[in-house]
Amino acid sequence: MSVFMVTAKIKPENAAECDEAAKTMFAEIEKANPQGVRYMSCKSPDGVTYVAILELADGTDNPLPGIAAFREFQENLKKWLSGPPAAENMTVVGSFRSY
């Protein structure tokens, strides 16, 4: 499995819009029900720092870009960000029902 983590800060004035767009995006991902992928987004207590975690099963290409709501969210994210996001490829050393 491959695990990626992206941390990003949103401009405070865009946080509510980002939250609503994320809900819409995740609803569309749920409808599409792509296989071999787990994806989540969390917001820190500061209200503007978000962490997204993407897990792909071995041999699985990321299916999320094939979902229109995901592409729209990514496009809008460009104007909501207060700075560049930080992306990391993570190595899983242990997991229990990871999320």
N, C-alpha and C. Protein backbone atom coordinates (compact mmCIF):
# COMPACT_ATOMS: atom_id res chain seq x y z
N MET A 1 0.83 -1.17 0.00
CA MET A 1 0.00 0.00 0.00
C MET A 1 0.88 1.24 0.00
N SER A 2 0.36 2.30 -0.58
CA SER A 2 1.02 3.59 -0.59
C SER A 2 0.18 4.55 0.23
N VAL A 3 0.85 5.35 1.05
CA VAL A 3 0.13 6.34 1.87
C VAL A 3 0.78 7.70 1.65
N PHE A 4 -0.07 8.67 1.38
CA PHE A 4 0.38 10.05 1.16
C PHE A 4 -0.33 10.96 2.14
N MET A 5 0.40 11.95 2.63
CA MET A 5 -0.17 12.93 3.55
C MET A 5 0.10 14.32 2.99
N VAL A 6 -0.94 15.13 2.94
CA VAL A 6 -0.80 16.51 2.50
C VAL A 6 -1.30 17.41 3.62
N THR A 7 -0.48 18.38 3.99
CA THR A 7 -0.85 19.37 4.99
C THR A 7 -0.95 20.72 4.30
N ALA A 8 -2.03 21.43 4.57
CA ALA A 8 -2.23 22.72 3.92
C ALA A 8 -2.92 23.68 4.88
N LYS A 9 -2.59 24.95 4.73
CA LYS A 9 -3.27 26.01 5.49
C LYS A 9 -4.15 26.79 4.53
N ILE A 10 -5.37 27.03 4.99
CA ILE A 10 -6.37 27.76 4.21
C ILE A 10 -6.48 29.18 4.77
N LYS A 11 -6.75 30.11 3.91
CA LYS A 11 -7.00 31.48 4.39
C LYS A 11 -8.23 31.43 5.29
N PRO A 12 -8.18 32.08 6.45
CA PRO A 12 -9.31 32.01 7.40
C PRO A 12 -10.66 32.35 6.77
N GLU A 13 -10.68 33.29 5.86
CA GLU A 13 -11.95 33.68 5.25
C GLU A 13 -12.50 32.61 4.29
N ASN A 14 -11.70 31.60 3.96
CA ASN A 14 -12.14 30.53 3.07
C ASN A 14 -12.40 29.20 3.77
N ALA A 15 -12.19 29.14 5.08
CA ALA A 15 -12.31 27.87 5.80
C ALA A 15 -13.72 27.28 5.71
N ALA A 16 -14.75 28.08 5.90
CA ALA A 16 -16.12 27.56 5.84
C ALA A 16 -16.45 27.07 4.44
N GLU A 17 -16.03 27.80 3.42
CA GLU A 17 -16.26 27.39 2.04
C GLU A 17 -15.53 26.08 1.74
N CYS A 18 -14.32 25.96 2.25
CA CYS A 18 -13.54 24.74 2.07
C CYS A 18 -14.23 23.55 2.74
N ASP A 19 -14.73 23.75 3.93
CA ASP A 19 -15.44 22.68 4.65
C ASP A 19 -16.65 22.20 3.85
N GLU A 20 -17.44 23.13 3.34
CA GLU A 20 -18.64 22.76 2.57
C GLU A 20 -18.26 22.04 1.28
N ALA A 21 -17.24 22.53 0.62
CA ALA A 21 -16.79 21.89 -0.62
C ALA A 21 -16.26 20.48 -0.34
N ALA A 22 -15.58 20.31 0.80
CA ALA A 22 -15.08 18.98 1.17
C ALA A 22 -16.24 18.02 1.40
N LYS A 23 -17.28 18.49 2.05
CA LYS A 23 -18.46 17.63 2.28
C LYS A 23 -19.07 17.20 0.95
N THR A 24 -19.18 18.12 0.02
CA THR A 24 -19.71 17.80 -1.30
C THR A 24 -18.81 16.80 -2.02
N MET A 25 -17.50 17.06 -1.96
CA MET A 25 -16.54 16.17 -2.61
C MET A 25 -16.63 14.76 -2.04
N PHE A 26 -16.64 14.63 -0.71
CA PHE A 26 -16.67 13.31 -0.09
C PHE A 26 -18.00 12.59 -0.38
N ALA A 27 -19.08 13.33 -0.50
CA ALA A 27 -20.37 12.71 -0.86
C ALA A 27 -20.28 12.12 -2.26
N GLU A 28 -19.63 12.83 -3.18
CA GLU A 28 -19.47 12.33 -4.55
C GLU A 28 -18.51 11.14 -4.60
N ILE A 29 -17.47 11.19 -3.79
CA ILE A 29 -16.55 10.04 -3.73
C ILE A 29 -17.29 8.83 -3.20
N GLU A 30 -18.11 9.04 -2.19
CA GLU A 30 -18.90 7.94 -1.61
C GLU A 30 -19.82 7.32 -2.68
N LYS A 31 -20.47 8.17 -3.48
CA LYS A 31 -21.35 7.67 -4.55
C LYS A 31 -20.55 6.88 -5.58
N ALA A 32 -19.38 7.37 -5.94
CA ALA A 32 -18.56 6.70 -6.95
C ALA A 32 -18.00 5.38 -6.43
N ASN A 33 -17.77 5.32 -5.11
CA ASN A 33 -17.28 4.12 -4.44
C ASN A 33 -16.05 3.51 -5.14
N PRO A 34 -15.00 4.31 -5.33
CA PRO A 34 -13.81 3.77 -5.99
C PRO A 34 -13.15 2.69 -5.13
N GLN A 35 -12.63 1.68 -5.78
CA GLN A 35 -11.99 0.57 -5.08
C GLN A 35 -10.49 0.82 -4.92
N GLY A 36 -9.92 0.26 -3.87
CA GLY A 36 -8.48 0.34 -3.67
C GLY A 36 -7.98 1.65 -3.12
N VAL A 37 -8.90 2.46 -2.59
CA VAL A 37 -8.51 3.77 -2.09
C VAL A 37 -9.21 4.05 -0.77
N ARG A 38 -8.49 4.70 0.12
CA ARG A 38 -9.05 5.26 1.35
C ARG A 38 -8.56 6.69 1.40
N TYR A 39 -9.45 7.60 1.77
CA TYR A 39 -9.12 9.02 1.72
C TYR A 39 -9.85 9.73 2.84
N MET A 40 -9.14 10.58 3.54
CA MET A 40 -9.77 11.35 4.61
C MET A 40 -9.14 12.72 4.69
N SER A 41 -9.90 13.65 5.28
CA SER A 41 -9.42 14.99 5.50
C SER A 41 -9.78 15.39 6.93
N CYS A 42 -8.83 15.99 7.62
CA CYS A 42 -9.04 16.42 9.00
C CYS A 42 -8.64 17.89 9.13
N LYS A 43 -9.29 18.57 10.06
CA LYS A 43 -8.97 19.98 10.32
C LYS A 43 -8.44 20.09 11.74
N SER A 44 -7.36 20.84 11.90
CA SER A 44 -6.79 21.03 13.24
C SER A 44 -7.59 22.06 14.03
N PRO A 45 -7.38 22.13 15.34
CA PRO A 45 -8.13 23.07 16.17
C PRO A 45 -7.96 24.54 15.78
N ASP A 46 -6.89 24.87 15.05
CA ASP A 46 -6.73 26.27 14.65
C ASP A 46 -7.75 26.69 13.59
N GLY A 47 -8.46 25.71 13.00
CA GLY A 47 -9.52 26.00 12.05
C GLY A 47 -9.06 26.29 10.63
N VAL A 48 -7.75 26.32 10.40
CA VAL A 48 -7.26 26.63 9.06
C VAL A 48 -6.23 25.64 8.53
N THR A 49 -5.77 24.74 9.38
CA THR A 49 -4.79 23.73 8.95
C THR A 49 -5.52 22.43 8.70
N TYR A 50 -5.34 21.91 7.50
CA TYR A 50 -6.00 20.66 7.09
C TYR A 50 -4.94 19.62 6.78
N VAL A 51 -5.27 18.37 7.08
CA VAL A 51 -4.41 17.24 6.74
C VAL A 51 -5.26 16.25 5.96
N ALA A 52 -4.79 15.89 4.78
CA ALA A 52 -5.47 14.88 3.97
C ALA A 52 -4.57 13.66 3.90
N ILE A 53 -5.17 12.49 4.06
CA ILE A 53 -4.42 11.24 4.00
C ILE A 53 -5.07 10.37 2.93
N LEU A 54 -4.23 9.91 2.02
CA LEU A 54 -4.67 9.07 0.91
C LEU A 54 -3.93 7.75 1.00
N GLU A 55 -4.68 6.66 1.01
CA GLU A 55 -4.09 5.32 1.02
C GLU A 55 -4.54 4.60 -0.25
N LEU A 56 -3.57 4.10 -1.00
CA LEU A 56 -3.87 3.35 -2.22
C LEU A 56 -3.38 1.92 -2.06
N ALA A 57 -4.23 0.96 -2.41
CA ALA A 57 -3.83 -0.44 -2.38
C ALA A 57 -2.73 -0.66 -3.40
N ASP A 58 -1.88 -1.64 -3.14
CA ASP A 58 -0.81 -1.97 -4.07
C ASP A 58 -1.37 -2.20 -5.46
N GLY A 59 -0.72 -1.61 -6.45
CA GLY A 59 -1.13 -1.77 -7.84
C GLY A 59 -2.31 -0.93 -8.25
N THR A 60 -2.78 -0.03 -7.38
CA THR A 60 -3.93 0.80 -7.68
C THR A 60 -3.48 2.21 -8.06
N ASP A 61 -3.95 2.68 -9.20
CA ASP A 61 -3.73 4.08 -9.57
C ASP A 61 -4.77 4.92 -8.83
N ASN A 62 -4.42 6.14 -8.49
CA ASN A 62 -5.34 7.01 -7.78
C ASN A 62 -6.59 7.27 -8.62
N PRO A 63 -7.76 6.78 -8.18
CA PRO A 63 -8.99 6.98 -8.95
C PRO A 63 -9.66 8.34 -8.70
N LEU A 64 -9.21 9.08 -7.70
CA LEU A 64 -9.90 10.32 -7.33
C LEU A 64 -9.93 11.38 -8.42
N PRO A 65 -8.85 11.57 -9.19
CA PRO A 65 -8.93 12.58 -10.26
C PRO A 65 -10.01 12.28 -11.31
N GLY A 66 -10.51 11.07 -11.35
CA GLY A 66 -11.59 10.73 -12.26
C GLY A 66 -12.97 11.17 -11.76
N ILE A 67 -13.02 11.74 -10.56
CA ILE A 67 -14.28 12.18 -9.97
C ILE A 67 -14.34 13.71 -10.07
N ALA A 68 -15.37 14.20 -10.76
CA ALA A 68 -15.48 15.64 -11.05
C ALA A 68 -15.41 16.50 -9.79
N ALA A 69 -16.08 16.10 -8.72
CA ALA A 69 -16.10 16.91 -7.49
C ALA A 69 -14.71 16.99 -6.87
N PHE A 70 -13.90 15.95 -7.02
CA PHE A 70 -12.53 15.98 -6.52
C PHE A 70 -11.71 16.99 -7.33
N ARG A 71 -11.85 16.94 -8.65
CA ARG A 71 -11.11 17.89 -9.50
C ARG A 71 -11.53 19.32 -9.20
N GLU A 72 -12.82 19.56 -9.00
CA GLU A 72 -13.32 20.90 -8.68
C GLU A 72 -12.76 21.37 -7.34
N PHE A 73 -12.74 20.49 -6.36
CA PHE A 73 -12.19 20.84 -5.05
C PHE A 73 -10.72 21.23 -5.19
N GLN A 74 -9.96 20.44 -5.93
CA GLN A 74 -8.53 20.72 -6.11
C GLN A 74 -8.32 22.07 -6.81
N GLU A 75 -9.16 22.38 -7.78
CA GLU A 75 -9.04 23.65 -8.49
C GLU A 75 -9.35 24.82 -7.55
N ASN A 76 -10.41 24.71 -6.75
CA ASN A 76 -10.76 25.77 -5.80
C ASN A 76 -9.72 25.92 -4.70
N LEU A 77 -9.10 24.83 -4.34
CA LEU A 77 -8.08 24.85 -3.28
C LEU A 77 -6.98 25.85 -3.60
N LYS A 78 -6.67 25.98 -4.87
CA LYS A 78 -5.60 26.91 -5.28
C LYS A 78 -5.87 28.33 -4.79
N LYS A 79 -7.14 28.76 -4.80
CA LYS A 79 -7.45 30.13 -4.36
C LYS A 79 -7.67 30.22 -2.86
N TRP A 80 -7.93 29.08 -2.20
CA TRP A 80 -8.18 29.08 -0.76
C TRP A 80 -6.89 28.98 0.07
N LEU A 81 -5.84 28.46 -0.51
CA LEU A 81 -4.60 28.23 0.24
C LEU A 81 -3.93 29.53 0.66
N SER A 82 -3.36 29.54 1.86
CA SER A 82 -2.60 30.70 2.30
C SER A 82 -1.11 30.53 2.01
N GLY A 83 -0.72 29.35 1.55
CA GLY A 83 0.66 29.05 1.19
C GLY A 83 0.70 27.69 0.53
N PRO A 84 1.87 27.29 0.07
CA PRO A 84 1.95 26.00 -0.62
C PRO A 84 1.72 24.83 0.34
N PRO A 85 1.03 23.79 -0.14
CA PRO A 85 0.82 22.61 0.69
C PRO A 85 2.12 21.80 0.79
N ALA A 86 2.22 20.99 1.83
CA ALA A 86 3.36 20.09 2.01
C ALA A 86 2.87 18.67 1.81
N ALA A 87 3.45 17.96 0.85
CA ALA A 87 3.05 16.58 0.56
C ALA A 87 4.18 15.63 0.92
N GLU A 88 3.81 14.51 1.52
CA GLU A 88 4.80 13.51 1.91
C GLU A 88 4.29 12.12 1.57
N ASN A 89 5.21 11.28 1.09
CA ASN A 89 4.91 9.87 0.89
C ASN A 89 5.29 9.18 2.19
N MET A 90 4.35 8.54 2.84
CA MET A 90 4.55 7.96 4.16
C MET A 90 4.81 6.45 4.05
N THR A 91 5.52 5.91 5.03
CA THR A 91 5.73 4.47 5.14
C THR A 91 4.96 3.98 6.36
N VAL A 92 4.05 3.05 6.15
CA VAL A 92 3.26 2.51 7.25
C VAL A 92 4.13 1.51 8.01
N VAL A 93 4.24 1.71 9.32
CA VAL A 93 5.00 0.78 10.16
C VAL A 93 4.08 -0.05 11.04
N GLY A 94 2.83 0.31 11.08
CA GLY A 94 1.84 -0.42 11.84
C GLY A 94 0.48 0.23 11.65
N SER A 95 -0.56 -0.55 11.79
CA SER A 95 -1.89 0.00 11.58
C SER A 95 -2.92 -0.92 12.24
N PHE A 96 -3.94 -0.32 12.80
CA PHE A 96 -5.10 -1.05 13.29
C PHE A 96 -6.33 -0.28 12.85
N ARG A 97 -7.06 -0.83 11.89
CA ARG A 97 -8.24 -0.12 11.37
C ARG A 97 -7.91 1.34 11.09
N SER A 98 -6.94 1.56 10.30
CA SER A 98 -6.26 2.84 10.18
C SER A 98 -7.09 4.10 10.27
N TYR A 99 -8.32 4.09 9.83
CA TYR A 99 -9.20 5.25 10.07
C TYR A 99 -10.57 4.97 9.64
